[in-house]
Amino acid sequence: MDPKNITKEYSNGEITVVWQSAKCSHSANCVKNLSKVFQPKEQPWIKMENATSKEIVEVVSKCPSGALSIK
């Protein structure tokens, strides 16, 4: 597997966030807007349990590269 092209899914049972590493532009919009969920220095880096689905959807929708999406 190409380490630059990883797709990971994170779910809270209600929604699933899909992250595609190859698309990520590292704008850090997700971290700036919802740092209690998006923690790039942690494993796993997306902590779905730390916010409501509505809050997460709102921040994911602002991802400029499309690396984050909702499934």
PDB file of N, CA and C in Angstrom:
ATOM      1  N   MET A   1       0.839  -1.194   0.000  1.00  0.00           N
ATOM      2  CA  MET A   1       0.000   0.000   0.000  1.00  0.00           C
ATOM      3  C   MET A   1       0.879   1.251   0.000  1.00  0.00           C
ATOM      4  N   ASP A   2       0.492   2.203  -0.799  1.00  0.00           N
ATOM      5  CA  ASP A   2       1.212   3.471  -0.886  1.00  0.00           C
ATOM      6  C   ASP A   2       0.912   4.304   0.361  1.00  0.00           C
ATOM      7  N   PRO A   3       1.920   4.636   1.159  1.00  0.00           N
ATOM      8  CA  PRO A   3       1.668   5.398   2.386  1.00  0.00           C
ATOM      9  C   PRO A   3       1.115   6.796   2.138  1.00  0.00           C
ATOM     10  N   LYS A   4       1.231   7.266   0.909  1.00  0.00           N
ATOM     11  CA  LYS A   4       0.706   8.593   0.581  1.00  0.00           C
ATOM     12  C   LYS A   4      -0.747   8.521   0.116  1.00  0.00           C
ATOM     13  N   ASN A   5      -1.302   7.310   0.013  1.00  0.00           N
ATOM     14  CA  ASN A   5      -2.665   7.159  -0.466  1.00  0.00           C
ATOM     15  C   ASN A   5      -3.433   6.209   0.452  1.00  0.00           C
ATOM     16  N   ILE A   6      -3.700   6.682   1.662  1.00  0.00           N
ATOM     17  CA  ILE A   6      -4.402   5.890   2.659  1.00  0.00           C
ATOM     18  C   ILE A   6      -5.815   6.435   2.807  1.00  0.00           C
ATOM     19  N   THR A   7      -6.785   5.531   2.901  1.00  0.00           N
ATOM     20  CA  THR A   7      -8.162   5.918   3.192  1.00  0.00           C
ATOM     21  C   THR A   7      -8.544   5.269   4.510  1.00  0.00           C
ATOM     22  N   LYS A   8      -9.030   6.074   5.443  1.00  0.00           N
ATOM     23  CA  LYS A   8      -9.472   5.556   6.729  1.00  0.00           C
ATOM     24  C   LYS A   8     -10.871   6.069   7.014  1.00  0.00           C
ATOM     25  N   GLU A   9     -11.621   5.254   7.755  1.00  0.00           N
ATOM     26  CA  GLU A   9     -12.980   5.632   8.140  1.00  0.00           C
ATOM     27  C   GLU A   9     -13.092   5.657   9.652  1.00  0.00           C
ATOM     28  N   TYR A  10     -13.806   6.657  10.143  1.00  0.00           N
ATOM     29  CA  TYR A  10     -14.026   6.832  11.574  1.00  0.00           C
ATOM     30  C   TYR A  10     -15.530   7.024  11.776  1.00  0.00           C
ATOM     31  N   SER A  11     -16.130   6.208  12.648  1.00  0.00           N
ATOM     32  CA  SER A  11     -17.581   6.263  12.818  1.00  0.00           C
ATOM     33  C   SER A  11     -17.962   6.463  14.275  1.00  0.00           C
ATOM     34  N   ASN A  12     -19.105   7.112  14.481  1.00  0.00           N
ATOM     35  CA  ASN A  12     -19.660   7.227  15.831  1.00  0.00           C
ATOM     36  C   ASN A  12     -20.967   6.450  15.939  1.00  0.00           C
ATOM     37  N   GLY A  13     -21.248   5.608  14.937  1.00  0.00           N
ATOM     38  CA  GLY A  13     -22.477   4.839  14.916  1.00  0.00           C
ATOM     39  C   GLY A  13     -23.611   5.551  14.195  1.00  0.00           C
ATOM     40  N   GLU A  14     -23.459   6.851  14.003  1.00  0.00           N
ATOM     41  CA  GLU A  14     -24.477   7.664  13.351  1.00  0.00           C
ATOM     42  C   GLU A  14     -23.977   8.129  11.980  1.00  0.00           C
ATOM     43  N   ILE A  15     -22.741   8.637  11.967  1.00  0.00           N
ATOM     44  CA  ILE A  15     -22.104   9.074  10.724  1.00  0.00           C
ATOM     45  C   ILE A  15     -20.696   8.486  10.648  1.00  0.00           C
ATOM     46  N   THR A  16     -20.155   8.455   9.450  1.00  0.00           N
ATOM     47  CA  THR A  16     -18.780   7.993   9.252  1.00  0.00           C
ATOM     48  C   THR A  16     -18.008   9.072   8.505  1.00  0.00           C
ATOM     49  N   VAL A  17     -16.865   9.452   9.064  1.00  0.00           N
ATOM     50  CA  VAL A  17     -15.968  10.385   8.398  1.00  0.00           C
ATOM     51  C   VAL A  17     -14.950   9.562   7.615  1.00  0.00           C
ATOM     52  N   VAL A  18     -14.794   9.884   6.342  1.00  0.00           N
ATOM     53  CA  VAL A  18     -13.805   9.224   5.492  1.00  0.00           C
ATOM     54  C   VAL A  18     -12.660  10.206   5.267  1.00  0.00           C
ATOM     55  N   TRP A  19     -11.432   9.736   5.510  1.00  0.00           N
ATOM     56  CA  TRP A  19     -10.239  10.565   5.302  1.00  0.00           C
ATOM     57  C   TRP A  19      -9.377   9.919   4.230  1.00  0.00           C
ATOM     58  N   GLN A  20      -9.034  10.697   3.197  1.00  0.00           N
ATOM     59  CA  GLN A  20      -8.180  10.226   2.097  1.00  0.00           C
ATOM     60  C   GLN A  20      -6.878  11.027   2.136  1.00  0.00           C
ATOM     61  N   SER A  21      -5.814  10.365   2.548  1.00  0.00           N
ATOM     62  CA  SER A  21      -4.539  11.061   2.765  1.00  0.00           C
ATOM     63  C   SER A  21      -3.999  11.710   1.497  1.00  0.00           C
ATOM     64  N   ALA A  22      -4.212  11.091   0.354  1.00  0.00           N
ATOM     65  CA  ALA A  22      -3.670  11.626  -0.900  1.00  0.00           C
ATOM     66  C   ALA A  22      -4.269  12.984  -1.260  1.00  0.00           C
ATOM     67  N   LYS A  23      -5.499  13.248  -0.807  1.00  0.00           N
ATOM     68  CA  LYS A  23      -6.162  14.517  -1.124  1.00  0.00           C
ATOM     69  C   LYS A  23      -5.856  15.614  -0.112  1.00  0.00           C
ATOM     70  N   CYS A  24      -5.356  15.222   1.053  1.00  0.00           N
ATOM     71  CA  CYS A  24      -5.192  16.178   2.160  1.00  0.00           C
ATOM     72  C   CYS A  24      -4.155  17.250   1.829  1.00  0.00           C
ATOM     73  N   SER A  25      -4.571  18.514   1.938  1.00  0.00           N
ATOM     74  CA  SER A  25      -3.665  19.639   1.671  1.00  0.00           C
ATOM     75  C   SER A  25      -3.083  20.212   2.961  1.00  0.00           C
ATOM     76  N   HIS A  26      -3.428  19.612   4.082  1.00  0.00           N
ATOM     77  CA  HIS A  26      -2.924  20.030   5.396  1.00  0.00           C
ATOM     78  C   HIS A  26      -3.203  21.504   5.684  1.00  0.00           C
ATOM     79  N   SER A  27      -4.393  21.946   5.296  1.00  0.00           N
ATOM     80  CA  SER A  27      -4.817  23.320   5.580  1.00  0.00           C
ATOM     81  C   SER A  27      -5.098  23.491   7.078  1.00  0.00           C
ATOM     82  N   ALA A  28      -5.346  22.378   7.762  1.00  0.00           N
ATOM     83  CA  ALA A  28      -5.652  22.351   9.201  1.00  0.00           C
ATOM     84  C   ALA A  28      -6.989  23.009   9.535  1.00  0.00           C
ATOM     85  N   ASN A  29      -7.858  23.184   8.548  1.00  0.00           N
ATOM     86  CA  ASN A  29      -9.194  23.724   8.825  1.00  0.00           C
ATOM     87  C   ASN A  29      -9.916  22.872   9.859  1.00  0.00           C
ATOM     88  N   CYS A  30      -9.807  21.561   9.737  1.00  0.00           N
ATOM     89  CA  CYS A  30     -10.502  20.665  10.663  1.00  0.00           C
ATOM     90  C   CYS A  30      -9.985  20.864  12.081  1.00  0.00           C
ATOM     91  N   VAL A  31      -8.676  20.972  12.227  1.00  0.00           N
ATOM     92  CA  VAL A  31      -8.060  21.144  13.545  1.00  0.00           C
ATOM     93  C   VAL A  31      -8.441  22.500  14.137  1.00  0.00           C
ATOM     94  N   LYS A  32      -8.379  23.548  13.324  1.00  0.00           N
ATOM     95  CA  LYS A  32      -8.703  24.897  13.803  1.00  0.00           C
ATOM     96  C   LYS A  32     -10.173  25.017  14.215  1.00  0.00           C
ATOM     97  N   ASN A  33     -11.060  24.333  13.489  1.00  0.00           N
ATOM     98  CA  ASN A  33     -12.493  24.477  13.729  1.00  0.00           C
ATOM     99  C   ASN A  33     -13.058  23.494  14.753  1.00  0.00           C
ATOM    100  N   LEU A  34     -12.373  22.363  14.989  1.00  0.00           N
ATOM    101  CA  LEU A  34     -12.898  21.364  15.922  1.00  0.00           C
ATOM    102  C   LEU A  34     -11.747  20.519  16.470  1.00  0.00           C
ATOM    103  N   SER A  35     -10.894  21.193  17.242  1.00  0.00           N
ATOM    104  CA  SER A  35      -9.678  20.525  17.732  1.00  0.00           C
ATOM    105  C   SER A  35      -9.953  19.402  18.729  1.00  0.00           C
ATOM    106  N   LYS A  36     -11.144  19.390  19.328  1.00  0.00           N
ATOM    107  CA  LYS A  36     -11.450  18.298  20.255  1.00  0.00           C
ATOM    108  C   LYS A  36     -11.716  16.986  19.509  1.00  0.00           C
ATOM    109  N   VAL A  37     -11.972  17.062  18.212  1.00  0.00           N
ATOM    110  CA  VAL A  37     -12.184  15.864  17.386  1.00  0.00           C
ATOM    111  C   VAL A  37     -10.956  15.567  16.527  1.00  0.00           C
ATOM    112  N   PHE A  38     -10.430  16.589  15.867  1.00  0.00           N
ATOM    113  CA  PHE A  38      -9.325  16.396  14.924  1.00  0.00           C
ATOM    114  C   PHE A  38      -7.994  16.690  15.615  1.00  0.00           C
ATOM    115  N   GLN A  39      -7.271  15.619  15.946  1.00  0.00           N
ATOM    116  CA  GLN A  39      -6.028  15.712  16.711  1.00  0.00           C
ATOM    117  C   GLN A  39      -4.924  14.950  15.982  1.00  0.00           C
ATOM    118  N   PRO A  40      -4.260  15.612  15.018  1.00  0.00           N
ATOM    119  CA  PRO A  40      -3.308  14.923  14.145  1.00  0.00           C
ATOM    120  C   PRO A  40      -2.112  14.282  14.841  1.00  0.00           C
ATOM    121  N   LYS A  41      -1.808  14.683  16.058  1.00  0.00           N
ATOM    122  CA  LYS A  41      -0.669  14.079  16.756  1.00  0.00           C
ATOM    123  C   LYS A  41      -1.063  12.815  17.532  1.00  0.00           C
ATOM    124  N   GLU A  42      -2.353  12.516  17.557  1.00  0.00           N
ATOM    125  CA  GLU A  42      -2.878  11.365  18.308  1.00  0.00           C
ATOM    126  C   GLU A  42      -3.188  10.188  17.382  1.00  0.00           C
ATOM    127  N   GLN A  43      -3.354   9.028  17.969  1.00  0.00           N
ATOM    128  CA  GLN A  43      -3.796   7.837  17.237  1.00  0.00           C
ATOM    129  C   GLN A  43      -4.989   7.243  17.958  1.00  0.00           C
ATOM    130  N   PRO A  44      -6.147   7.070  17.356  1.00  0.00           N
ATOM    131  CA  PRO A  44      -6.505   7.601  16.036  1.00  0.00           C
ATOM    132  C   PRO A  44      -6.625   9.130  16.098  1.00  0.00           C
ATOM    133  N   TRP A  45      -6.402   9.752  14.974  1.00  0.00           N
ATOM    134  CA  TRP A  45      -6.359  11.221  14.986  1.00  0.00           C
ATOM    135  C   TRP A  45      -7.740  11.872  14.935  1.00  0.00           C
ATOM    136  N   ILE A  46      -8.769  11.105  14.571  1.00  0.00           N
ATOM    137  CA  ILE A  46     -10.133  11.630  14.584  1.00  0.00           C
ATOM    138  C   ILE A  46     -10.888  10.958  15.731  1.00  0.00           C
ATOM    139  N   LYS A  47     -11.303  11.763  16.700  1.00  0.00           N
ATOM    140  CA  LYS A  47     -11.991  11.271  17.892  1.00  0.00           C
ATOM    141  C   LYS A  47     -13.481  11.631  17.780  1.00  0.00           C
ATOM    142  N   MET A  48     -14.216  10.763  17.127  1.00  0.00           N
ATOM    143  CA  MET A  48     -15.629  11.000  16.819  1.00  0.00           C
ATOM    144  C   MET A  48     -16.486  11.229  18.066  1.00  0.00           C
ATOM    145  N   GLU A  49     -16.091  10.633  19.177  1.00  0.00           N
ATOM    146  CA  GLU A  49     -16.907  10.716  20.396  1.00  0.00           C
ATOM    147  C   GLU A  49     -16.834  12.086  21.071  1.00  0.00           C
ATOM    148  N   ASN A  50     -15.965  12.967  20.598  1.00  0.00           N
ATOM    149  CA  ASN A  50     -15.752  14.250  21.271  1.00  0.00           C
ATOM    150  C   ASN A  50     -16.635  15.394  20.784  1.00  0.00           C
ATOM    151  N   ALA A  51     -17.560  15.116  19.864  1.00  0.00           N
ATOM    152  CA  ALA A  51     -18.462  16.167  19.371  1.00  0.00           C
ATOM    153  C   ALA A  51     -19.727  15.520  18.824  1.00  0.00           C
ATOM    154  N   THR A  52     -20.732  16.350  18.592  1.00  0.00           N
ATOM    155  CA  THR A  52     -21.973  15.835  18.012  1.00  0.00           C
ATOM    156  C   THR A  52     -21.783  15.584  16.517  1.00  0.00           C
ATOM    157  N   SER A  53     -22.622  14.740  15.965  1.00  0.00           N
ATOM    158  CA  SER A  53     -22.569  14.477  14.521  1.00  0.00           C
ATOM    159  C   SER A  53     -22.742  15.764  13.740  1.00  0.00           C
ATOM    160  N   LYS A  54     -23.635  16.626  14.216  1.00  0.00           N
ATOM    161  CA  LYS A  54     -23.894  17.899  13.527  1.00  0.00           C
ATOM    162  C   LYS A  54     -22.624  18.757  13.473  1.00  0.00           C
ATOM    163  N   GLU A  55     -21.913  18.851  14.601  1.00  0.00           N
ATOM    164  CA  GLU A  55     -20.668  19.641  14.645  1.00  0.00           C
ATOM    165  C   GLU A  55     -19.631  19.068  13.675  1.00  0.00           C
ATOM    166  N   ILE A  56     -19.513  17.752  13.658  1.00  0.00           N
ATOM    167  CA  ILE A  56     -18.533  17.099  12.793  1.00  0.00           C
ATOM    168  C   ILE A  56     -18.868  17.318  11.321  1.00  0.00           C
ATOM    169  N   VAL A  57     -20.132  17.136  10.957  1.00  0.00           N
ATOM    170  CA  VAL A  57     -20.564  17.337   9.567  1.00  0.00           C
ATOM    171  C   VAL A  57     -20.269  18.768   9.123  1.00  0.00           C
ATOM    172  N   GLU A  58     -20.530  19.731  10.004  1.00  0.00           N
ATOM    173  CA  GLU A  58     -20.297  21.146   9.686  1.00  0.00           C
ATOM    174  C   GLU A  58     -18.820  21.402   9.353  1.00  0.00           C
ATOM    175  N   VAL A  59     -17.923  20.862  10.162  1.00  0.00           N
ATOM    176  CA  VAL A  59     -16.487  21.085   9.947  1.00  0.00           C
ATOM    177  C   VAL A  59     -15.991  20.312   8.721  1.00  0.00           C
ATOM    178  N   VAL A  60     -16.428  19.080   8.562  1.00  0.00           N
ATOM    179  CA  VAL A  60     -16.006  18.274   7.405  1.00  0.00           C
ATOM    180  C   VAL A  60     -16.430  18.947   6.099  1.00  0.00           C
ATOM    181  N   SER A  61     -17.600  19.577   6.109  1.00  0.00           N
ATOM    182  CA  SER A  61     -18.096  20.239   4.892  1.00  0.00           C
ATOM    183  C   SER A  61     -17.217  21.419   4.477  1.00  0.00           C
ATOM    184  N   LYS A  62     -16.375  21.919   5.399  1.00  0.00           N
ATOM    185  CA  LYS A  62     -15.488  23.043   5.097  1.00  0.00           C
ATOM    186  C   LYS A  62     -14.100  22.598   4.645  1.00  0.00           C
ATOM    187  N   CYS A  63     -13.879  21.297   4.520  1.00  0.00           N
ATOM    188  CA  CYS A  63     -12.556  20.794   4.111  1.00  0.00           C
ATOM    189  C   CYS A  63     -12.265  21.239   2.678  1.00  0.00           C
ATOM    190  N   PRO A  64     -11.238  22.078   2.467  1.00  0.00           N
ATOM    191  CA  PRO A  64     -11.000  22.651   1.134  1.00  0.00           C
ATOM    192  C   PRO A  64     -10.518  21.649   0.095  1.00  0.00           C
ATOM    193  N   SER A  65      -9.874  20.580   0.528  1.00  0.00           N
ATOM    194  CA  SER A  65      -9.305  19.620  -0.432  1.00  0.00           C
ATOM    195  C   SER A  65     -10.242  18.455  -0.747  1.00  0.00           C
ATOM    196  N   GLY A  66     -11.262  18.277   0.087  1.00  0.00           N
ATOM    197  CA  GLY A  66     -12.151  17.121  -0.083  1.00  0.00           C
ATOM    198  C   GLY A  66     -11.574  15.849   0.512  1.00  0.00           C
ATOM    199  N   ALA A  67     -10.485  15.969   1.273  1.00  0.00           N
ATOM    200  CA  ALA A  67      -9.873  14.793   1.890  1.00  0.00           C
ATOM    201  C   ALA A  67     -10.780  14.197   2.960  1.00  0.00           C
ATOM    202  N   LEU A  68     -11.579  15.041   3.592  1.00  0.00           N
ATOM    203  CA  LEU A  68     -12.564  14.584   4.572  1.00  0.00           C
ATOM    204  C   LEU A  68     -13.932  14.619   3.943  1.00  0.00           C
ATOM    205  N   SER A  69     -14.681  13.542   4.133  1.00  0.00           N
ATOM    206  CA  SER A  69     -16.051  13.502   3.637  1.00  0.00           C
ATOM    207  C   SER A  69     -16.896  12.679   4.607  1.00  0.00           C
ATOM    208  N   ILE A  70     -18.211  12.772   4.457  1.00  0.00           N
ATOM    209  CA  ILE A  70     -19.138  12.032   5.300  1.00  0.00           C
ATOM    210  C   ILE A  70     -19.768  10.931   4.464  1.00  0.00           C
ATOM    211  N   LYS A  71     -19.880   9.771   5.080  1.00  0.00           N
ATOM    212  CA  LYS A  71     -20.476   8.616   4.389  1.00  0.00           C
ATOM    213  C   LYS A  71     -21.704   8.188   5.156  1.00  0.00           C
TER     214      LYS A  71
END
